[in-house]
Amino acid sequence: MIVIILWVLLSLVLAAVISFISLRQLLLSRKKKLHKSSDNNINVGIFHPYCNAGGGGERVLWCAVKALQEKYPNSKVIIYTGDIDASPSSILQKAKNVFNISVDSDNVKFVFLKQRHWIEAKNYPHFTLLGQSIGSMVLGLEALCKFPPDIFIDTMGYAFTFPLFRYLAQARVGCYVHYPVISMDMLKRVQQRQMSHNNKKYVARNPFLTWTKLAYYRLFSKMYKWVGCCAETIMVNSSWTENHILQLWDVPFKTHRVYPPCEVGHLKKLQHTGKSDEFIILSVGQFRPEKDHPLQLQAIYELRTLLANDEALWSRIKLVIAGSCRNDEDYERLKNMQDLSKHLSLENNVQFKVNVPYEDLLKLYQTANIGIHTMWNEHFGIGIVECMAAGLIMVAHRSGGPLLDIVETSEGSQNGFLATDAVEYADNILNIIVNNAEMNGIRSAARASVERFSEREFEKNFLRAISELFTNA
């Protein structure tokens, strides 16, 4: 019996090895053919399954493409995307409309992936992290078989694709990490049995389920470290992300902090054109659950309570929530937000703007007085920086990137405000409104502080971090 089991195991291992070698030879042969059929020296593959989403991660993508085209004009940029319902021209046009970024369309190739559903969280009600990670390997294999690159750069955080491209296609691997898939904070919340979006109530209340989930998270973090170390250069978008990646992957010499690109130059020149009798509070961000838009509505509800005896001032206040929707789930989330605003009797003071074109967003920046951002542990916060550059007084969450990198609240160098709950947000907003004439110093400090987050700084640091990938590529 033991001999039979050993024979089966040996056969499986042998079959796996043969399959690996065969697939690698096939991919390497395809790479050679691609080079023969092209005058370009290097094929740079960028893995971004949602390249048409219109969020901050997509600004990073298009600025990276633009920087690559300018620095390495003989290279071909291949973008792996699952946006099969969009054409290459419409994707590039959206990048122009939303981010004001133009790239050379002749030097960009889109590889459309049909298996994107494998990475969607809704398909994994349990063991979501593991399910999405395995799903990313399926999607990565599809990308690899359709076009094996010389250099592979992941810009969406799918680290489990790294070993596929490194060992099967023998590609040089780099990544830009917006936030870690798993973090020490997540482990701590499970261990302390705290309820959160990644730790359901029934798990937090059950000691056995907590122990099981903790063991699962620890095992997953070890797997995450192994695949992460397959990258030869690692870019992180903030101090918060850097701290977690260093804890998880422990490769400090490979890790580079590269702040995401924010179009601060043009925004710093904008002049306020709003009405003097209006106070517009602007929120910019995708309609995703972690952005915590309900907290913004709760803050405005608390603000109304503070202004219970000043109806005239309350009538001058409006919250404008501008964001993009990627899919049906986002639109459902938007509908729930609209319903919540009516439930709180805020419909006359809250306005929703969806998938706003760049030119319209500029007009919103010019008419708004205050910016609000409510995500807990936001990894960076491009929207926060852009609001500050446009001259808005920012109120952001006291955590993550806003706390560590962007907003300074010390006297003498203050460039914004931080808050943690609806009451604190409301207090800060009321303070800004009542003392609006005294906020020019903070507004000037905010505009002066954002230059380090410019597109020019991103391009310089991005190219420095990936330069080693082009050595002997």
Protein backbone atom coordinates (compact mmCIF):
# COMPACT_ATOMS: atom_id res chain seq x y z
CA MET A 1 0.00 0.00 0.00
CA ILE A 2 2.77 2.43 0.95
CA VAL A 3 4.64 1.57 -2.25
CA ILE A 4 1.54 2.39 -4.33
CA ILE A 5 1.07 5.75 -2.54
CA LEU A 6 4.72 6.65 -3.05
CA TRP A 7 4.50 5.65 -6.71
CA VAL A 8 1.41 7.86 -7.22
CA LEU A 9 3.07 10.81 -5.49
CA LEU A 10 6.24 10.36 -7.53
CA SER A 11 4.19 10.19 -10.72
CA LEU A 12 2.36 13.39 -9.84
CA VAL A 13 5.61 15.20 -9.06
CA LEU A 14 7.18 13.93 -12.28
CA ALA A 15 4.12 15.00 -14.30
CA ALA A 16 4.24 18.46 -12.70
CA VAL A 17 7.95 18.84 -13.51
CA ILE A 18 7.44 17.73 -17.11
CA SER A 19 4.50 20.11 -17.51
CA PHE A 20 6.52 22.98 -16.05
CA ILE A 21 9.48 22.35 -18.36
CA SER A 22 7.24 21.94 -21.42
CA LEU A 23 5.30 25.12 -20.69
CA ARG A 24 8.47 27.09 -20.05
CA GLN A 25 10.02 25.92 -23.31
CA LEU A 26 6.83 26.84 -25.15
CA LEU A 27 6.75 30.32 -23.63
CA LEU A 28 10.45 30.95 -24.26
CA SER A 29 9.98 29.86 -27.88
CA ARG A 30 7.07 32.29 -28.19
CA LYS A 31 9.20 35.09 -26.73
CA LYS A 32 11.83 34.50 -29.42
CA LYS A 33 9.18 34.66 -32.15
CA LEU A 34 7.82 37.91 -30.74
CA HIS A 35 11.29 39.45 -30.91
CA LYS A 36 11.80 38.28 -34.48
CA SER A 37 8.50 39.81 -35.58
CA SER A 38 9.23 43.17 -33.95
CA ASP A 39 11.86 45.85 -34.19
CA ASN A 40 11.47 46.67 -30.51
CA ASN A 41 14.20 45.56 -28.17
CA ILE A 42 12.21 44.92 -24.99
CA ASN A 43 8.58 43.97 -24.33
CA VAL A 44 7.37 45.43 -21.03
CA GLY A 45 4.21 43.79 -19.72
CA ILE A 46 2.10 45.69 -17.18
CA PHE A 47 -0.49 43.65 -15.30
CA HIS A 48 -3.51 45.86 -14.59
CA PRO A 49 -6.78 43.89 -15.03
CA TYR A 50 -8.93 46.99 -14.33
CA CYS A 51 -7.04 49.55 -16.42
CA ASN A 52 -10.26 51.34 -17.40
CA ALA A 53 -11.55 51.89 -13.86
CA GLY A 54 -10.60 55.58 -13.58
CA GLY A 55 -9.22 55.52 -10.01
CA GLY A 56 -5.94 56.52 -8.40
CA GLY A 57 -4.33 53.20 -9.32
CA GLU A 58 -5.06 53.91 -12.96
CA ARG A 59 -3.36 57.31 -12.73
CA VAL A 60 -0.24 55.44 -11.56
CA LEU A 61 -0.59 53.08 -14.54
CA TRP A 62 -0.83 55.77 -17.20
CA CYS A 63 1.91 57.93 -15.72
CA ALA A 64 4.12 54.82 -15.63
CA VAL A 65 3.33 54.07 -19.28
CA LYS A 66 4.11 57.66 -20.25
CA ALA A 67 7.41 57.58 -18.33
CA LEU A 68 8.42 54.26 -19.94
CA GLN A 69 7.68 55.55 -23.43
CA GLU A 70 9.78 58.67 -22.89
CA LYS A 71 12.72 56.90 -21.25
CA TYR A 72 12.74 53.69 -23.33
CA PRO A 73 11.31 54.60 -26.78
CA ASN A 74 12.51 51.30 -28.28
CA SER A 75 10.45 49.26 -25.84
CA LYS A 76 6.91 48.02 -26.41
CA VAL A 77 4.41 48.45 -23.57
CA ILE A 78 1.90 45.61 -23.21
CA ILE A 79 -1.04 46.14 -20.87
CA TYR A 80 -2.82 43.02 -19.60
CA THR A 81 -6.43 43.99 -18.91
CA GLY A 82 -9.77 42.32 -18.37
CA ASP A 83 -11.75 45.24 -19.79
CA ILE A 84 -12.93 43.21 -22.76
CA ASP A 85 -15.95 45.49 -23.28
CA ALA A 86 -13.71 48.47 -24.10
CA SER A 87 -11.61 49.18 -27.18
CA PRO A 88 -7.97 50.31 -26.99
CA SER A 89 -8.91 53.75 -28.33
CA SER A 90 -11.69 54.21 -25.75
CA ILE A 91 -9.38 53.17 -22.90
CA LEU A 92 -6.73 55.68 -23.97
CA GLN A 93 -9.37 58.36 -24.47
CA LYS A 94 -10.68 57.79 -20.94
CA ALA A 95 -7.13 58.16 -19.59
CA LYS A 96 -7.01 61.51 -21.39
CA ASN A 97 -10.45 62.62 -20.19
CA VAL A 98 -10.10 61.52 -16.56
CA PHE A 99 -6.40 62.12 -15.88
CA ASN A 100 -5.32 64.47 -18.66
CA ILE A 101 -2.60 61.95 -19.59
CA SER A 102 -1.80 61.22 -23.22
CA VAL A 103 0.36 58.26 -24.24
CA ASP A 104 1.68 57.12 -27.61
CA SER A 105 -1.00 54.73 -28.86
CA ASP A 106 1.36 53.26 -31.48
CA ASN A 107 3.63 51.97 -28.73
CA VAL A 108 0.95 50.39 -26.52
CA LYS A 109 -0.54 46.94 -27.04
CA PHE A 110 -3.53 45.69 -25.07
CA VAL A 111 -3.80 42.00 -24.24
CA PHE A 112 -7.42 41.37 -23.30
CA LEU A 113 -7.96 38.69 -20.65
CA LYS A 114 -11.22 36.74 -20.54
CA GLN A 115 -10.73 35.13 -17.12
CA ARG A 116 -10.96 38.25 -14.93
CA HIS A 117 -13.90 36.80 -13.03
CA TRP A 118 -11.35 34.58 -11.26
CA ILE A 119 -10.09 37.56 -9.24
CA GLU A 120 -13.43 39.05 -8.25
CA ALA A 121 -14.05 38.93 -4.51
CA LYS A 122 -17.76 38.16 -4.90
CA ASN A 123 -16.84 34.67 -6.12
CA TYR A 124 -15.13 33.84 -2.83
CA PRO A 125 -17.48 34.39 0.13
CA HIS A 126 -15.02 32.42 2.27
CA PHE A 127 -11.20 32.33 2.13
CA THR A 128 -11.38 35.40 -0.09
CA LEU A 129 -7.66 36.20 0.05
CA LEU A 130 -6.66 32.70 -0.99
CA GLY A 131 -9.37 32.46 -3.63
CA GLN A 132 -8.42 35.75 -5.27
CA SER A 133 -4.72 34.88 -5.11
CA ILE A 134 -5.23 31.53 -6.85
CA GLY A 135 -7.55 33.29 -9.27
CA SER A 136 -4.82 35.82 -10.07
CA MET A 137 -2.54 32.91 -10.99
CA VAL A 138 -5.17 31.65 -13.45
CA LEU A 139 -5.44 35.13 -14.94
CA GLY A 140 -1.66 35.47 -14.92
CA LEU A 141 -1.30 32.21 -16.85
CA GLU A 142 -3.74 33.49 -19.47
CA ALA A 143 -1.70 36.68 -19.79
CA LEU A 144 1.55 34.73 -19.94
CA CYS A 145 0.34 32.39 -22.67
CA LYS A 146 -1.03 35.24 -24.78
CA PHE A 147 2.09 37.39 -24.56
CA PRO A 148 5.21 36.42 -22.53
CA PRO A 149 7.11 39.68 -21.81
CA ASP A 150 10.77 40.40 -21.14
CA ILE A 151 9.90 42.60 -18.17
CA PHE A 152 6.80 42.15 -16.04
CA ILE A 153 5.44 44.92 -13.79
CA ASP A 154 2.38 44.38 -11.64
CA THR A 155 0.61 47.63 -10.74
CA MET A 156 -2.46 46.24 -8.95
CA GLY A 157 -1.06 44.08 -6.16
CA TYR A 158 -1.42 40.56 -7.57
CA ALA A 159 1.80 39.19 -6.09
CA PHE A 160 0.95 35.55 -6.79
CA THR A 161 1.58 36.21 -10.48
CA PHE A 162 5.26 37.02 -9.81
CA PRO A 163 6.66 33.45 -9.74
CA LEU A 164 4.77 32.57 -12.94
CA PHE A 165 6.41 35.32 -14.96
CA ARG A 166 9.79 34.93 -13.29
CA TYR A 167 10.20 31.16 -13.55
CA LEU A 168 8.05 30.24 -16.55
CA ALA A 169 8.81 33.18 -18.85
CA GLN A 170 12.14 34.05 -17.22
CA ALA A 171 11.03 37.69 -17.15
CA ARG A 172 12.45 40.39 -14.91
CA VAL A 173 9.78 41.17 -12.31
CA GLY A 174 8.87 44.44 -10.63
CA CYS A 175 5.78 45.70 -8.82
CA TYR A 176 4.05 48.81 -7.54
CA VAL A 177 2.22 48.06 -4.28
CA HIS A 178 -0.71 50.32 -3.37
CA TYR A 179 -1.48 48.30 -0.24
CA PRO A 180 -0.55 44.85 1.03
CA VAL A 181 -3.01 42.02 0.43
CA ILE A 182 -2.66 41.09 4.09
CA SER A 183 -1.26 43.27 6.84
CA MET A 184 -0.21 43.01 10.45
CA ASP A 185 -3.26 45.15 11.31
CA MET A 186 -5.53 42.44 9.90
CA LEU A 187 -3.76 39.78 11.94
CA LYS A 188 -4.01 41.93 15.05
CA ARG A 189 -7.74 42.53 14.62
CA VAL A 190 -8.42 38.81 14.26
CA GLN A 191 -6.20 37.97 17.21
CA GLN A 192 -7.96 40.56 19.39
CA ARG A 193 -11.34 39.33 18.09
CA GLN A 194 -12.39 42.72 16.75
CA MET A 195 -15.21 42.93 14.22
CA SER A 196 -14.34 44.58 10.91
CA HIS A 197 -14.99 44.22 7.17
CA ASN A 198 -12.50 41.32 7.07
CA ASN A 199 -13.55 39.74 10.39
CA LYS A 200 -17.24 38.90 10.66
CA LYS A 201 -19.13 39.00 13.93
CA TYR A 202 -19.66 35.23 14.11
CA VAL A 203 -15.90 34.67 13.70
CA ALA A 204 -14.91 37.29 16.28
CA ARG A 205 -17.29 35.75 18.84
CA ASN A 206 -16.11 32.16 18.36
CA PRO A 207 -12.69 31.23 19.88
CA PHE A 208 -12.23 28.20 17.60
CA LEU A 209 -13.09 30.12 14.43
CA THR A 210 -10.76 32.91 15.55
CA TRP A 211 -7.92 30.41 16.04
CA THR A 212 -8.63 28.84 12.64
CA LYS A 213 -8.71 32.18 10.86
CA LEU A 214 -5.54 33.32 12.60
CA ALA A 215 -3.76 30.14 11.48
CA TYR A 216 -5.05 30.70 7.94
CA TYR A 217 -3.84 34.33 7.94
CA ARG A 218 -0.40 33.35 9.25
CA LEU A 219 0.00 30.64 6.61
CA PHE A 220 -1.19 33.02 3.91
CA SER A 221 1.26 35.72 5.05
CA LYS A 222 4.14 33.23 4.65
CA MET A 223 2.97 32.40 1.12
CA TYR A 224 2.60 36.12 0.42
CA LYS A 225 6.18 36.71 1.54
CA TRP A 226 7.54 33.99 -0.75
CA VAL A 227 5.77 35.26 -3.88
CA GLY A 228 6.59 38.87 -3.00
CA CYS A 229 10.29 38.10 -2.81
CA CYS A 230 10.15 36.93 -6.44
CA ALA A 231 10.07 40.61 -7.44
CA GLU A 232 13.45 42.17 -8.17
CA THR A 233 12.29 45.71 -7.44
CA ILE A 234 9.39 46.69 -5.21
CA MET A 235 7.80 50.13 -5.24
CA VAL A 236 5.44 51.20 -2.45
CA ASN A 237 3.20 54.23 -2.50
CA SER A 238 3.51 55.53 1.07
CA SER A 239 5.18 55.21 4.46
CA TRP A 240 2.25 53.14 5.72
CA THR A 241 2.51 50.64 2.86
CA GLU A 242 6.29 50.58 3.15
CA ASN A 243 6.15 49.71 6.86
CA HIS A 244 3.80 46.79 6.21
CA ILE A 245 5.72 45.46 3.20
CA LEU A 246 8.97 45.57 5.15
CA GLN A 247 7.31 43.64 7.97
CA LEU A 248 5.83 41.07 5.58
CA TRP A 249 8.48 40.65 2.88
CA ASP A 250 11.61 41.83 4.74
CA VAL A 251 13.53 42.94 1.64
CA PRO A 252 14.55 46.54 2.46
CA PHE A 253 17.20 46.79 -0.27
CA LYS A 254 14.62 45.97 -2.97
CA THR A 255 11.96 48.31 -1.58
CA HIS A 256 11.56 51.88 -2.85
CA ARG A 257 9.03 54.46 -1.69
CA VAL A 258 7.57 56.06 -4.82
CA TYR A 259 4.70 58.40 -4.06
CA PRO A 260 1.88 58.12 -6.62
CA PRO A 261 1.60 60.88 -9.23
CA CYS A 262 -0.71 63.78 -8.53
CA GLU A 263 -1.32 66.54 -11.05
CA VAL A 264 -0.42 69.35 -8.67
CA GLY A 265 1.11 71.86 -11.10
CA HIS A 266 -2.12 72.71 -12.92
CA LEU A 267 -4.26 72.45 -9.78
CA LYS A 268 -2.09 74.89 -7.84
CA LYS A 269 -2.91 77.55 -10.46
CA LEU A 270 -6.68 77.18 -10.10
CA GLN A 271 -8.56 80.15 -8.70
CA HIS A 272 -11.65 79.78 -6.54
CA THR A 273 -14.79 80.71 -8.47
CA GLY A 274 -17.47 79.60 -6.03
CA LYS A 275 -20.26 81.77 -4.70
CA SER A 276 -19.46 83.69 -1.53
CA ASP A 277 -22.73 82.58 0.06
CA GLU A 278 -22.00 78.84 -0.46
CA PHE A 279 -19.79 76.38 1.41
CA ILE A 280 -19.17 73.33 -0.75
CA ILE A 281 -17.55 70.25 0.79
CA LEU A 282 -16.06 68.02 -1.90
CA SER A 283 -15.38 64.29 -1.70
CA VAL A 284 -13.41 62.65 -4.53
CA GLY A 285 -12.99 58.88 -4.71
CA GLN A 286 -14.31 55.64 -6.15
CA PHE A 287 -17.54 54.24 -4.74
CA ARG A 288 -15.79 51.37 -2.98
CA PRO A 289 -16.74 50.10 0.51
CA GLU A 290 -13.39 50.96 2.10
CA LYS A 291 -13.80 54.64 1.17
CA ASP A 292 -16.52 54.77 3.86
CA HIS A 293 -18.84 57.28 2.18
CA PRO A 294 -21.51 56.66 4.86
CA LEU A 295 -19.18 58.32 7.39
CA GLN A 296 -19.28 61.46 5.24
CA LEU A 297 -23.06 61.53 5.39
CA GLN A 298 -22.94 60.92 9.13
CA ALA A 299 -20.50 63.84 9.49
CA ILE A 300 -22.88 66.14 7.59
CA TYR A 301 -25.74 64.91 9.78
CA GLU A 302 -23.70 65.82 12.88
CA LEU A 303 -22.90 69.19 11.31
CA ARG A 304 -26.61 69.84 10.88
CA THR A 305 -27.06 69.06 14.59
CA LEU A 306 -24.37 71.60 15.47
CA LEU A 307 -26.15 74.18 13.31
CA ALA A 308 -29.61 73.45 14.67
CA ASN A 309 -30.00 77.09 15.69
CA ASP A 310 -28.54 78.54 12.50
CA GLU A 311 -30.75 77.41 9.63
CA ALA A 312 -29.43 80.17 7.38
CA LEU A 313 -25.86 78.86 7.56
CA TRP A 314 -27.00 75.25 7.18
CA SER A 315 -28.84 76.08 3.97
CA ARG A 316 -25.55 77.37 2.47
CA ILE A 317 -23.69 74.08 3.03
CA LYS A 318 -23.55 71.34 0.40
CA LEU A 319 -21.64 68.05 0.25
CA VAL A 320 -20.70 67.03 -3.30
CA ILE A 321 -19.58 63.40 -3.62
CA ALA A 322 -17.77 62.83 -6.93
CA GLY A 323 -16.65 59.30 -7.70
CA SER A 324 -16.35 56.60 -10.31
CA CYS A 325 -18.25 53.32 -10.49
CA ARG A 326 -16.43 50.27 -11.83
CA ASN A 327 -19.20 47.70 -11.86
CA ASP A 328 -22.76 46.86 -10.79
CA GLU A 329 -21.68 46.51 -7.16
CA ASP A 330 -20.39 50.08 -7.14
CA TYR A 331 -23.64 51.35 -8.65
CA GLU A 332 -25.59 49.44 -5.99
CA ARG A 333 -23.37 51.08 -3.36
CA LEU A 334 -24.13 54.48 -4.87
CA LYS A 335 -27.87 53.76 -4.75
CA ASN A 336 -27.57 52.83 -1.06
CA MET A 337 -25.74 56.09 -0.40
CA GLN A 338 -28.49 58.07 -2.09
CA ASP A 339 -31.08 56.24 0.00
CA LEU A 340 -29.09 56.92 3.18
CA SER A 341 -28.94 60.65 2.41
CA LYS A 342 -32.74 60.68 2.11
CA HIS A 343 -33.10 58.67 5.31
CA LEU A 344 -31.00 61.27 7.13
CA SER A 345 -33.01 64.09 5.45
CA LEU A 346 -29.88 65.41 3.78
CA GLU A 347 -31.02 65.18 0.15
CA ASN A 348 -31.15 68.98 -0.20
CA ASN A 349 -27.56 69.33 1.01
CA VAL A 350 -25.92 66.34 -0.69
CA GLN A 351 -25.22 65.89 -4.39
CA PHE A 352 -23.75 62.83 -6.15
CA LYS A 353 -21.69 63.10 -9.34
CA VAL A 354 -20.69 59.84 -11.06
CA ASN A 355 -17.80 59.24 -13.48
CA VAL A 356 -17.06 62.94 -13.74
CA PRO A 357 -14.91 64.01 -16.74
CA TYR A 358 -11.66 65.72 -15.88
CA GLU A 359 -12.80 69.18 -17.03
CA ASP A 360 -15.88 68.97 -14.80
CA LEU A 361 -13.74 67.82 -11.88
CA LEU A 362 -11.60 70.95 -12.30
CA LYS A 363 -14.75 73.07 -12.03
CA LEU A 364 -15.68 71.26 -8.82
CA TYR A 365 -12.25 72.00 -7.39
CA GLN A 366 -12.73 75.68 -8.21
CA THR A 367 -16.13 75.94 -6.55
CA ALA A 368 -15.42 73.88 -3.41
CA ASN A 369 -14.11 75.24 -0.11
CA ILE A 370 -13.43 72.09 1.89
CA GLY A 371 -12.26 68.57 1.00
CA ILE A 372 -13.32 65.46 2.93
CA HIS A 373 -11.83 61.96 2.89
CA THR A 374 -12.99 59.25 5.31
CA MET A 375 -11.20 55.99 4.48
CA TRP A 376 -9.55 54.32 7.46
CA ASN A 377 -5.89 53.46 6.80
CA GLU A 378 -5.95 54.90 3.29
CA HIS A 379 -2.68 53.64 1.83
CA PHE A 380 -1.93 57.07 0.36
CA GLY A 381 -4.67 59.41 -0.86
CA ILE A 382 -4.24 60.97 -4.31
CA GLY A 383 -7.60 62.71 -3.98
CA ILE A 384 -6.43 64.34 -0.74
CA VAL A 385 -3.30 65.74 -2.38
CA GLU A 386 -5.24 67.05 -5.38
CA CYS A 387 -7.79 68.79 -3.16
CA MET A 388 -4.97 70.46 -1.23
CA ALA A 389 -3.25 71.52 -4.46
CA ALA A 390 -6.51 73.04 -5.69
CA GLY A 391 -6.75 75.19 -2.56
CA LEU A 392 -9.31 73.22 -0.54
CA ILE A 393 -8.94 72.89 3.22
CA MET A 394 -8.68 69.14 3.74
CA VAL A 395 -10.27 67.05 6.50
CA ALA A 396 -8.94 63.47 6.26
CA HIS A 397 -8.90 60.36 8.41
CA ARG A 398 -6.31 60.25 11.16
CA SER A 399 -4.59 57.09 9.90
CA GLY A 400 -2.51 55.61 7.07
CA GLY A 401 -1.03 57.82 4.37
CA PRO A 402 -2.90 61.02 5.31
CA LEU A 403 -1.47 60.84 8.82
CA LEU A 404 2.06 59.68 7.96
CA ASP A 405 2.75 61.45 4.66
CA ILE A 406 0.29 64.13 3.65
CA VAL A 407 -1.54 66.13 6.35
CA GLU A 408 0.40 68.08 8.98
CA THR A 409 -1.56 69.41 11.96
CA SER A 410 1.25 70.86 14.08
CA GLU A 411 0.92 74.54 14.91
CA GLY A 412 3.03 76.67 12.60
CA SER A 413 3.15 74.11 9.81
CA GLN A 414 -0.49 73.01 9.63
CA ASN A 415 -1.77 72.24 6.13
CA GLY A 416 -5.05 70.48 6.96
CA PHE A 417 -7.14 68.68 9.57
CA LEU A 418 -7.49 65.06 10.71
CA ALA A 419 -10.46 63.30 12.28
CA THR A 420 -11.60 59.81 13.26
CA ASP A 421 -15.38 59.88 13.72
CA ALA A 422 -18.42 61.79 12.49
CA VAL A 423 -18.46 64.21 15.42
CA GLU A 424 -14.79 65.14 14.98
CA TYR A 425 -15.28 65.59 11.24
CA ALA A 426 -18.27 67.87 11.89
CA ASP A 427 -16.35 69.91 14.46
CA ASN A 428 -13.46 70.46 12.05
CA ILE A 429 -15.75 71.39 9.17
CA LEU A 430 -17.65 73.88 11.32
CA ASN A 431 -14.35 75.38 12.53
CA ILE A 432 -13.24 75.89 8.90
CA ILE A 433 -16.55 77.45 7.90
CA VAL A 434 -16.79 79.81 10.88
CA ASN A 435 -13.12 80.86 10.62
CA ASN A 436 -12.92 80.79 6.83
CA ALA A 437 -11.17 84.16 6.64
CA GLU A 438 -8.36 82.85 8.87
CA MET A 439 -7.69 79.71 6.78
CA ASN A 440 -5.53 81.32 4.09
CA GLY A 441 -2.34 80.35 5.91
CA ILE A 442 -3.35 76.68 6.01
CA ARG A 443 -4.45 76.85 2.37
CA SER A 444 -1.08 78.28 1.31
CA ALA A 445 0.83 75.69 3.37
CA ALA A 446 -1.20 72.90 1.77
CA ARG A 447 -0.46 74.08 -1.75
CA ALA A 448 3.24 74.45 -0.96
CA SER A 449 3.48 70.95 0.56
CA VAL A 450 2.21 68.93 -2.41
CA GLU A 451 5.04 69.48 -4.88
CA ARG A 452 6.77 66.31 -3.61
CA PHE A 453 3.79 64.34 -4.94
CA SER A 454 3.93 65.74 -8.48
CA GLU A 455 3.92 63.66 -11.66
CA ARG A 456 7.48 64.80 -12.34
CA GLU A 457 8.67 63.41 -8.98
CA PHE A 458 6.82 60.15 -9.60
CA GLU A 459 8.37 59.67 -13.05
CA LYS A 460 11.86 60.34 -11.72
CA ASN A 461 11.55 57.91 -8.79
CA PHE A 462 9.65 55.29 -10.81
CA LEU A 463 12.31 55.18 -13.53
CA ARG A 464 15.07 55.01 -10.93
CA ALA A 465 13.39 52.02 -9.23
CA ILE A 466 12.82 50.02 -12.43
CA SER A 467 16.15 50.83 -14.09
CA GLU A 468 17.68 47.58 -12.87
CA LEU A 469 14.97 45.60 -14.66
CA PHE A 470 16.28 46.90 -17.98
CA THR A 471 19.84 45.78 -17.19
CA ASN A 472 20.46 42.66 -19.28
CA ALA A 473 16.71 42.30 -19.89
